[in-house]
């Protein structure tokens, strides 16, 4: 995760308990909030993982990734609440984050000082003519 539960609580302020309410009055489900942060971080890693080594640990990129992590977790939090209305500000921030994630994936937006995944692992697909000799044909030789 790129952000903490405390940061999510600060971001949601007075809505945190309401959005993560349990059966017990005025008690929030911190496990659900932590799960939302983890799912949001997984979405980030999934989007940037083909270009950068994840989790990204570059200090210069972490504030931005922390903010994105909180924004995506905030969307999940509002989706959990009894009201189905996600505030317009949250929708706008989420749309901006997802736009930037697409740009990261396409190489149009670069994460500062993050270590790239270029040249690490991967696979090669080689196309060529059908083989002259197959395993089946070579049995017994």
C-alpha atoms as a PDB file:
ATOM      1  CA  UNK A   1       0.000   0.000   0.000  1.00  0.00           C
ATOM      2  CA  UNK A   2       1.170   3.486  -0.737  1.00  0.00           C
ATOM      3  CA  UNK A   3      -0.826   5.144   2.021  1.00  0.00           C
ATOM      4  CA  UNK A   4      -1.930   4.380   5.561  1.00  0.00           C
ATOM      5  CA  UNK A   5      -5.199   3.863   7.370  1.00  0.00           C
ATOM      6  CA  UNK A   6      -4.558   7.066   9.325  1.00  0.00           C
ATOM      7  CA  UNK A   7      -4.242   8.996   6.066  1.00  0.00           C
ATOM      8  CA  UNK A   8      -7.540   7.539   4.829  1.00  0.00           C
ATOM      9  CA  UNK A   9      -9.212   8.539   8.097  1.00  0.00           C
ATOM     10  CA  UNK A  10      -7.888  12.091   7.656  1.00  0.00           C
ATOM     11  CA  UNK A  11      -9.048  12.190   4.030  1.00  0.00           C
ATOM     12  CA  UNK A  12     -12.583  11.069   4.916  1.00  0.00           C
ATOM     13  CA  UNK A  13     -12.722  13.017   8.206  1.00  0.00           C
ATOM     14  CA  UNK A  14     -16.275  13.039   9.571  1.00  0.00           C
ATOM     15  CA  UNK A  15     -17.532  10.520   6.993  1.00  0.00           C
ATOM     16  CA  UNK A  16     -15.137   7.710   7.954  1.00  0.00           C
ATOM     17  CA  UNK A  17     -17.309   6.184  10.673  1.00  0.00           C
ATOM     18  CA  UNK A  18     -20.439   6.633   8.585  1.00  0.00           C
ATOM     19  CA  UNK A  19     -18.907   4.940   5.530  1.00  0.00           C
ATOM     20  CA  UNK A  20     -17.330   2.074   7.451  1.00  0.00           C
ATOM     21  CA  UNK A  21     -20.030   1.692  10.101  1.00  0.00           C
ATOM     22  CA  UNK A  22     -20.456  -1.703  11.691  1.00  0.00           C
ATOM     23  CA  UNK A  23     -23.477  -3.060  13.506  1.00  0.00           C
ATOM     24  CA  UNK A  24     -22.191  -1.390  16.635  1.00  0.00           C
ATOM     25  CA  UNK A  25     -23.132   2.286  16.613  1.00  0.00           C
ATOM     26  CA  UNK A  26     -20.293   4.740  15.988  1.00  0.00           C
ATOM     27  CA  UNK A  27     -17.682   2.054  15.378  1.00  0.00           C
ATOM     28  CA  UNK A  28     -15.902   1.835  12.046  1.00  0.00           C
ATOM     29  CA  UNK A  29     -14.605  -1.352  10.452  1.00  0.00           C
ATOM     30  CA  UNK A  30     -10.882  -0.606  10.108  1.00  0.00           C
ATOM     31  CA  UNK A  31     -10.331  -3.978   8.423  1.00  0.00           C
ATOM     32  CA  UNK A  32     -12.693  -3.000   5.602  1.00  0.00           C
ATOM     33  CA  UNK A  33     -10.905   0.333   5.212  1.00  0.00           C
ATOM     34  CA  UNK A  34      -7.528  -1.408   5.123  1.00  0.00           C
ATOM     35  CA  UNK A  35      -8.902  -3.804   2.499  1.00  0.00           C
ATOM     36  CA  UNK A  36     -10.026  -0.835   0.396  1.00  0.00           C
ATOM     37  CA  UNK A  37      -6.540   0.689   0.620  1.00  0.00           C
ATOM     38  CA  UNK A  38      -4.970  -2.637  -0.382  1.00  0.00           C
ATOM     39  CA  UNK A  39      -7.361  -3.049  -3.324  1.00  0.00           C
ATOM     40  CA  UNK A  40      -6.637   0.503  -4.466  1.00  0.00           C
ATOM     41  CA  UNK A  41      -2.883  -0.149  -4.232  1.00  0.00           C
ATOM     42  CA  UNK A  42      -3.356  -3.331  -6.265  1.00  0.00           C
ATOM     43  CA  UNK A  43      -5.167  -1.318  -8.928  1.00  0.00           C
ATOM     44  CA  UNK A  44      -2.241   1.118  -9.017  1.00  0.00           C
ATOM     45  CA  UNK A  45       0.331  -1.670  -9.239  1.00  0.00           C
ATOM     46  CA  UNK A  46      -1.676  -3.411 -11.934  1.00  0.00           C
ATOM     47  CA  UNK A  47      -1.763  -0.271 -14.041  1.00  0.00           C
ATOM     48  CA  UNK A  48       1.878   0.734 -13.610  1.00  0.00           C
ATOM     49  CA  UNK A  49       3.464  -2.692 -13.208  1.00  0.00           C
ATOM     50  CA  UNK A  50       4.217  -3.186 -16.891  1.00  0.00           C
ATOM     51  CA  UNK A  51       6.365  -0.040 -16.875  1.00  0.00           C
ATOM     52  CA  UNK A  52       7.741   0.187 -13.302  1.00  0.00           C
ATOM     53  CA  UNK A  53       8.947  -2.225 -10.664  1.00  0.00           C
ATOM     54  CA  UNK A  54       6.171  -2.498  -8.100  1.00  0.00           C
ATOM     55  CA  UNK A  55       5.692  -1.591  -5.416  1.00  0.00           C
ATOM     56  CA  UNK A  56       7.361   1.656  -6.384  1.00  0.00           C
ATOM     57  CA  UNK A  57       9.764   2.766  -3.674  1.00  0.00           C
ATOM     58  CA  UNK A  58      11.233   5.944  -5.178  1.00  0.00           C
ATOM     59  CA  UNK A  59      10.819   8.731  -2.634  1.00  0.00           C
ATOM     60  CA  UNK A  60      10.023  11.258  -5.372  1.00  0.00           C
ATOM     61  CA  UNK A  61       7.050   9.202  -6.620  1.00  0.00           C
ATOM     62  CA  UNK A  62       5.589   8.157  -3.257  1.00  0.00           C
ATOM     63  CA  UNK A  63       3.625  11.338  -2.433  1.00  0.00           C
ATOM     64  CA  UNK A  64       1.797  11.119  -5.746  1.00  0.00           C
ATOM     65  CA  UNK A  65       1.152   7.384  -5.406  1.00  0.00           C
ATOM     66  CA  UNK A  66      -0.048   7.908  -1.828  1.00  0.00           C
ATOM     67  CA  UNK A  67      -2.554  10.490  -3.040  1.00  0.00           C
ATOM     68  CA  UNK A  68      -3.714   8.208  -5.852  1.00  0.00           C
ATOM     69  CA  UNK A  69      -4.027   5.312  -3.395  1.00  0.00           C
ATOM     70  CA  UNK A  70      -6.203   7.434  -1.105  1.00  0.00           C
ATOM     71  CA  UNK A  71      -8.350   8.677  -3.978  1.00  0.00           C
ATOM     72  CA  UNK A  72      -9.095   5.175  -5.253  1.00  0.00           C
ATOM     73  CA  UNK A  73      -9.738   3.911  -1.709  1.00  0.00           C
ATOM     74  CA  UNK A  74     -12.027   6.875  -1.090  1.00  0.00           C
ATOM     75  CA  UNK A  75     -14.124   5.876  -4.090  1.00  0.00           C
ATOM     76  CA  UNK A  76     -14.451   2.374  -2.635  1.00  0.00           C
ATOM     77  CA  UNK A  77     -15.401   3.829   0.742  1.00  0.00           C
ATOM     78  CA  UNK A  78     -18.205   5.906  -0.715  1.00  0.00           C
ATOM     79  CA  UNK A  79     -19.420   2.867  -2.647  1.00  0.00           C
ATOM     80  CA  UNK A  80     -19.748   0.996   0.670  1.00  0.00           C
ATOM     81  CA  UNK A  81     -21.872   3.655   2.337  1.00  0.00           C
ATOM     82  CA  UNK A  82     -25.623   3.536   2.617  1.00  0.00           C
ATOM     83  CA  UNK A  83     -25.929   6.309   0.094  1.00  0.00           C
ATOM     84  CA  UNK A  84     -25.004   5.380  -3.454  1.00  0.00           C
ATOM     85  CA  UNK A  85     -24.032   8.951  -4.310  1.00  0.00           C
ATOM     86  CA  UNK A  86     -20.322   9.475  -4.622  1.00  0.00           C
ATOM     87  CA  UNK A  87     -19.512  13.178  -4.184  1.00  0.00           C
ATOM     88  CA  UNK A  88     -18.676  14.990  -7.412  1.00  0.00           C
ATOM     89  CA  UNK A  89     -15.236  16.004  -6.089  1.00  0.00           C
ATOM     90  CA  UNK A  90     -14.378  12.365  -5.471  1.00  0.00           C
ATOM     91  CA  UNK A  91     -15.617  11.328  -8.917  1.00  0.00           C
ATOM     92  CA  UNK A  92     -13.512  14.050 -10.525  1.00  0.00           C
ATOM     93  CA  UNK A  93     -10.366  13.035  -8.608  1.00  0.00           C
ATOM     94  CA  UNK A  94     -10.900   9.358  -9.440  1.00  0.00           C
ATOM     95  CA  UNK A  95     -11.355  10.173 -13.132  1.00  0.00           C
ATOM     96  CA  UNK A  96      -8.118  12.182 -13.090  1.00  0.00           C
ATOM     97  CA  UNK A  97      -6.208   9.353 -11.380  1.00  0.00           C
ATOM     98  CA  UNK A  98      -7.455   6.761 -13.854  1.00  0.00           C
ATOM     99  CA  UNK A  99      -6.576   9.084 -16.737  1.00  0.00           C
ATOM    100  CA  UNK A 100      -3.033   9.434 -15.362  1.00  0.00           C
ATOM    101  CA  UNK A 101      -2.768   5.650 -14.886  1.00  0.00           C
ATOM    102  CA  UNK A 102      -3.567   5.152 -18.560  1.00  0.00           C
ATOM    103  CA  UNK A 103      -0.917   7.746 -19.412  1.00  0.00           C
ATOM    104  CA  UNK A 104       1.609   5.938 -17.199  1.00  0.00           C
ATOM    105  CA  UNK A 105       0.790   2.678 -18.947  1.00  0.00           C
ATOM    106  CA  UNK A 106       1.236   4.311 -22.339  1.00  0.00           C
ATOM    107  CA  UNK A 107       4.464   6.057 -21.333  1.00  0.00           C
ATOM    108  CA  UNK A 108       3.030   9.574 -21.642  1.00  0.00           C
ATOM    109  CA  UNK A 109       3.300  10.230 -17.874  1.00  0.00           C
ATOM    110  CA  UNK A 110       6.435   9.223 -16.006  1.00  0.00           C
ATOM    111  CA  UNK A 111       6.783   8.593 -12.296  1.00  0.00           C
ATOM    112  CA  UNK A 112       9.748  10.592 -10.996  1.00  0.00           C
ATOM    113  CA  UNK A 113      12.795   8.470 -10.161  1.00  0.00           C
ATOM    114  CA  UNK A 114      10.823   5.214 -10.209  1.00  0.00           C
ATOM    115  CA  UNK A 115      12.779   2.184 -11.340  1.00  0.00           C
ATOM    116  CA  UNK A 116      11.514   0.939 -14.686  1.00  0.00           C
ATOM    117  CA  UNK A 117      10.712  -2.661 -15.458  1.00  0.00           C
ATOM    118  CA  UNK A 118      12.357  -2.458 -18.891  1.00  0.00           C
ATOM    119  CA  UNK A 119      14.593  -5.398 -19.624  1.00  0.00           C
ATOM    120  CA  UNK A 120      13.506  -7.411 -16.606  1.00  0.00           C
ATOM    121  CA  UNK A 121      11.898 -10.795 -17.169  1.00  0.00           C
ATOM    122  CA  UNK A 122       9.200 -11.066 -19.743  1.00  0.00           C
ATOM    123  CA  UNK A 123       8.690 -13.428 -22.602  1.00  0.00           C
ATOM    124  CA  UNK A 124       9.332 -13.500 -26.309  1.00  0.00           C
ATOM    125  CA  UNK A 125       6.907 -14.752 -28.901  1.00  0.00           C
ATOM    126  CA  UNK A 126       8.664 -16.061 -31.954  1.00  0.00           C
ATOM    127  CA  UNK A 127       6.769 -16.704 -35.126  1.00  0.00           C
ATOM    128  CA  UNK A 128       8.132 -18.946 -37.823  1.00  0.00           C
ATOM    129  CA  UNK A 129       7.262 -21.721 -40.241  1.00  0.00           C
ATOM    130  CA  UNK A 130       5.790 -24.986 -38.999  1.00  0.00           C
ATOM    131  CA  UNK A 131       8.455 -27.358 -37.668  1.00  0.00           C
ATOM    132  CA  UNK A 132       9.829 -30.019 -40.007  1.00  0.00           C
ATOM    133  CA  UNK A 133      10.247 -32.518 -37.210  1.00  0.00           C
ATOM    134  CA  UNK A 134       7.946 -32.736 -34.207  1.00  0.00           C
ATOM    135  CA  UNK A 135       8.340 -34.722 -30.997  1.00  0.00           C
ATOM    136  CA  UNK A 136       5.932 -37.304 -32.259  1.00  0.00           C
ATOM    137  CA  UNK A 137       7.899 -37.759 -35.489  1.00  0.00           C
ATOM    138  CA  UNK A 138      11.186 -38.120 -33.640  1.00  0.00           C
ATOM    139  CA  UNK A 139      10.064 -40.761 -31.145  1.00  0.00           C
ATOM    140  CA  UNK A 140      12.387 -43.698 -31.236  1.00  0.00           C
ATOM    141  CA  UNK A 141      15.368 -41.844 -32.688  1.00  0.00           C
END
